């Protein structure tokens, strides 16, 4: 069974990975989370924001089609 962290880390590519790498160490130093956990949280956050964006775009398109 894959680690939960791997799911969040899968979404980190390009500039998102750079952001996660930059915030991981400072945040991990101030919280009980490890650097990998912080990176996973950042990756999951970016993924959820993408899903939200796509869902709201589809909802707006459907509303516009009905009007």
N, C-alpha and C. Protein backbone atom coordinates (compact mmCIF):
# COMPACT_ATOMS: atom_id res chain seq x y z
N UNK A 1 0.85 -1.19 0.00
CA UNK A 1 0.00 0.00 0.00
C UNK A 1 0.89 1.24 0.00
N UNK A 2 0.61 2.21 -0.90
CA UNK A 2 1.46 3.40 -0.96
C UNK A 2 1.26 4.28 0.27
N UNK A 3 2.34 4.98 0.61
CA UNK A 3 2.25 5.92 1.71
C UNK A 3 1.37 7.10 1.28
N UNK A 4 0.65 7.63 2.23
CA UNK A 4 -0.22 8.77 1.95
C UNK A 4 0.58 9.95 1.40
N UNK A 5 1.79 10.11 1.88
CA UNK A 5 2.64 11.21 1.42
C UNK A 5 2.89 11.13 -0.08
N UNK A 6 3.01 9.91 -0.61
CA UNK A 6 3.29 9.75 -2.04
C UNK A 6 2.18 10.31 -2.91
N UNK A 7 0.95 10.27 -2.43
CA UNK A 7 -0.16 10.83 -3.20
C UNK A 7 -0.02 12.34 -3.35
N UNK A 8 0.35 13.01 -2.28
CA UNK A 8 0.54 14.46 -2.34
C UNK A 8 1.77 14.84 -3.14
N UNK A 9 2.82 14.03 -3.02
CA UNK A 9 4.06 14.32 -3.74
C UNK A 9 3.91 14.13 -5.24
N UNK A 10 2.97 13.31 -5.66
CA UNK A 10 2.77 13.04 -7.09
C UNK A 10 2.36 14.29 -7.85
N UNK A 11 1.72 15.23 -7.19
CA UNK A 11 1.26 16.44 -7.86
C UNK A 11 2.30 17.53 -7.97
N UNK A 12 3.48 17.29 -7.45
CA UNK A 12 4.50 18.32 -7.46
C UNK A 12 5.39 18.20 -8.69
N UNK A 13 5.19 19.10 -9.62
CA UNK A 13 6.03 19.19 -10.80
C UNK A 13 6.24 20.65 -11.12
N UNK A 14 7.34 20.96 -11.74
CA UNK A 14 7.61 22.33 -12.17
C UNK A 14 7.67 23.32 -11.02
N UNK A 15 6.99 24.44 -11.19
CA UNK A 15 7.05 25.51 -10.20
C UNK A 15 6.41 25.09 -8.88
N UNK A 16 5.46 24.16 -8.93
CA UNK A 16 4.83 23.70 -7.69
C UNK A 16 5.84 22.96 -6.82
N UNK A 17 6.70 22.20 -7.46
CA UNK A 17 7.75 21.50 -6.72
C UNK A 17 8.73 22.48 -6.11
N UNK A 18 9.06 23.54 -6.83
CA UNK A 18 9.96 24.57 -6.31
C UNK A 18 9.36 25.23 -5.09
N UNK A 19 8.07 25.56 -5.15
CA UNK A 19 7.39 26.16 -4.00
C UNK A 19 7.43 25.22 -2.81
N UNK A 20 7.10 23.95 -3.04
CA UNK A 20 7.08 22.97 -1.95
C UNK A 20 8.47 22.81 -1.34
N UNK A 21 9.50 22.79 -2.17
CA UNK A 21 10.86 22.64 -1.66
C UNK A 21 11.28 23.83 -0.81
N UNK A 22 10.85 25.01 -1.20
CA UNK A 22 11.24 26.21 -0.46
C UNK A 22 10.54 26.34 0.89
N UNK A 23 9.29 25.89 0.97
CA UNK A 23 8.56 26.04 2.23
C UNK A 23 8.72 24.84 3.15
N UNK A 24 9.15 23.70 2.62
CA UNK A 24 9.20 22.46 3.41
C UNK A 24 10.11 22.57 4.62
N UNK A 25 11.32 23.05 4.43
CA UNK A 25 12.27 23.09 5.54
C UNK A 25 11.86 24.07 6.64
N UNK A 26 11.51 25.32 6.30
CA UNK A 26 11.10 26.24 7.37
C UNK A 26 9.85 25.79 8.12
N UNK A 27 8.87 25.26 7.40
CA UNK A 27 7.63 24.82 8.05
C UNK A 27 7.90 23.59 8.91
N UNK A 28 8.70 22.66 8.39
CA UNK A 28 9.01 21.45 9.15
C UNK A 28 9.80 21.79 10.42
N UNK A 29 10.58 22.84 10.36
CA UNK A 29 11.34 23.26 11.54
C UNK A 29 10.48 23.86 12.64
N UNK A 30 9.31 24.34 12.27
CA UNK A 30 8.43 25.00 13.25
C UNK A 30 7.21 24.17 13.62
N UNK A 31 7.05 23.01 12.99
CA UNK A 31 5.92 22.14 13.27
C UNK A 31 6.43 20.72 13.49
N UNK A 32 5.58 19.84 14.00
CA UNK A 32 6.02 18.46 14.16
C UNK A 32 6.03 17.66 12.85
N UNK A 33 5.63 18.26 11.74
CA UNK A 33 5.60 17.57 10.44
C UNK A 33 7.01 17.45 9.87
N UNK A 34 7.24 16.39 9.11
CA UNK A 34 8.51 16.22 8.42
C UNK A 34 8.48 17.02 7.11
N UNK A 35 9.65 17.17 6.49
CA UNK A 35 9.70 17.90 5.22
C UNK A 35 8.87 17.20 4.15
N UNK A 36 8.92 15.87 4.11
CA UNK A 36 8.11 15.15 3.12
C UNK A 36 6.62 15.34 3.36
N UNK A 37 6.22 15.41 4.61
CA UNK A 37 4.80 15.64 4.91
C UNK A 37 4.38 17.03 4.47
N UNK A 38 5.24 18.02 4.68
CA UNK A 38 4.92 19.38 4.25
C UNK A 38 4.82 19.44 2.74
N UNK A 39 5.75 18.80 2.04
CA UNK A 39 5.69 18.76 0.57
C UNK A 39 4.39 18.09 0.11
N UNK A 40 4.02 17.01 0.78
CA UNK A 40 2.79 16.30 0.42
C UNK A 40 1.56 17.18 0.63
N UNK A 41 1.55 17.94 1.70
CA UNK A 41 0.42 18.84 1.97
C UNK A 41 0.35 19.93 0.89
N UNK A 42 1.49 20.46 0.52
CA UNK A 42 1.51 21.48 -0.54
C UNK A 42 1.02 20.88 -1.85
N UNK A 43 1.49 19.68 -2.18
CA UNK A 43 1.05 19.00 -3.41
C UNK A 43 -0.44 18.73 -3.41
N UNK A 44 -0.96 18.26 -2.28
CA UNK A 44 -2.39 17.98 -2.18
C UNK A 44 -3.20 19.27 -2.29
N UNK A 45 -2.68 20.34 -1.72
CA UNK A 45 -3.37 21.64 -1.79
C UNK A 45 -3.46 22.12 -3.24
N UNK A 46 -2.35 22.04 -3.96
CA UNK A 46 -2.37 22.44 -5.37
C UNK A 46 -3.33 21.55 -6.17
N UNK A 47 -3.35 20.26 -5.87
CA UNK A 47 -4.27 19.35 -6.57
C UNK A 47 -5.72 19.73 -6.30
N UNK A 48 -6.05 19.97 -5.04
CA UNK A 48 -7.43 20.32 -4.69
C UNK A 48 -7.84 21.66 -5.31
N UNK A 49 -6.92 22.61 -5.36
CA UNK A 49 -7.23 23.88 -6.01
C UNK A 49 -7.50 23.68 -7.50
N UNK A 50 -6.77 22.79 -8.12
CA UNK A 50 -6.99 22.49 -9.54
C UNK A 50 -8.36 21.86 -9.75
N UNK A 51 -8.72 20.92 -8.90
CA UNK A 51 -10.03 20.27 -9.00
C UNK A 51 -11.14 21.30 -8.82
N UNK A 52 -10.97 22.19 -7.84
CA UNK A 52 -11.95 23.24 -7.59
C UNK A 52 -12.10 24.14 -8.82
N UNK A 53 -10.97 24.53 -9.41
CA UNK A 53 -11.00 25.39 -10.58
C UNK A 53 -11.75 24.72 -11.73
N UNK A 54 -11.44 23.46 -11.99
CA UNK A 54 -12.09 22.75 -13.09
C UNK A 54 -13.59 22.59 -12.81
N UNK A 55 -13.94 22.24 -11.58
CA UNK A 55 -15.35 22.05 -11.23
C UNK A 55 -16.14 23.34 -11.37
N UNK A 56 -15.59 24.46 -10.90
CA UNK A 56 -16.32 25.73 -11.02
C UNK A 56 -16.41 26.18 -12.47
N UNK A 57 -15.39 25.90 -13.27
CA UNK A 57 -15.43 26.24 -14.68
C UNK A 57 -16.52 25.44 -15.39
N UNK A 58 -16.62 24.15 -15.10
CA UNK A 58 -17.66 23.31 -15.70
C UNK A 58 -19.04 23.79 -15.27
N UNK A 59 -19.19 24.16 -14.00
CA UNK A 59 -20.48 24.66 -13.52
C UNK A 59 -20.86 25.95 -14.23
N UNK A 60 -19.90 26.85 -14.44
CA UNK A 60 -20.20 28.09 -15.15
C UNK A 60 -20.56 27.83 -16.61
N UNK A 61 -19.87 26.87 -17.23
CA UNK A 61 -20.19 26.52 -18.61
C UNK A 61 -21.58 25.92 -18.72
N UNK A 62 -21.95 25.07 -17.78
CA UNK A 62 -23.28 24.46 -17.80
C UNK A 62 -24.36 25.52 -17.58
N UNK A 63 -24.09 26.46 -16.68
CA UNK A 63 -25.05 27.53 -16.42
C UNK A 63 -25.22 28.41 -17.66
N UNK A 64 -24.11 28.72 -18.32
CA UNK A 64 -24.17 29.55 -19.51
C UNK A 64 -24.92 28.83 -20.64
N UNK A 65 -24.77 27.53 -20.73
CA UNK A 65 -25.46 26.76 -21.77
C UNK A 65 -26.97 26.74 -21.53
N UNK A 66 -27.38 26.76 -20.26
CA UNK A 66 -28.81 26.75 -19.94
C UNK A 66 -29.45 28.10 -20.17
N UNK A 67 -28.70 29.17 -20.04
CA UNK A 67 -29.25 30.53 -20.18
C UNK A 67 -29.40 30.96 -21.60
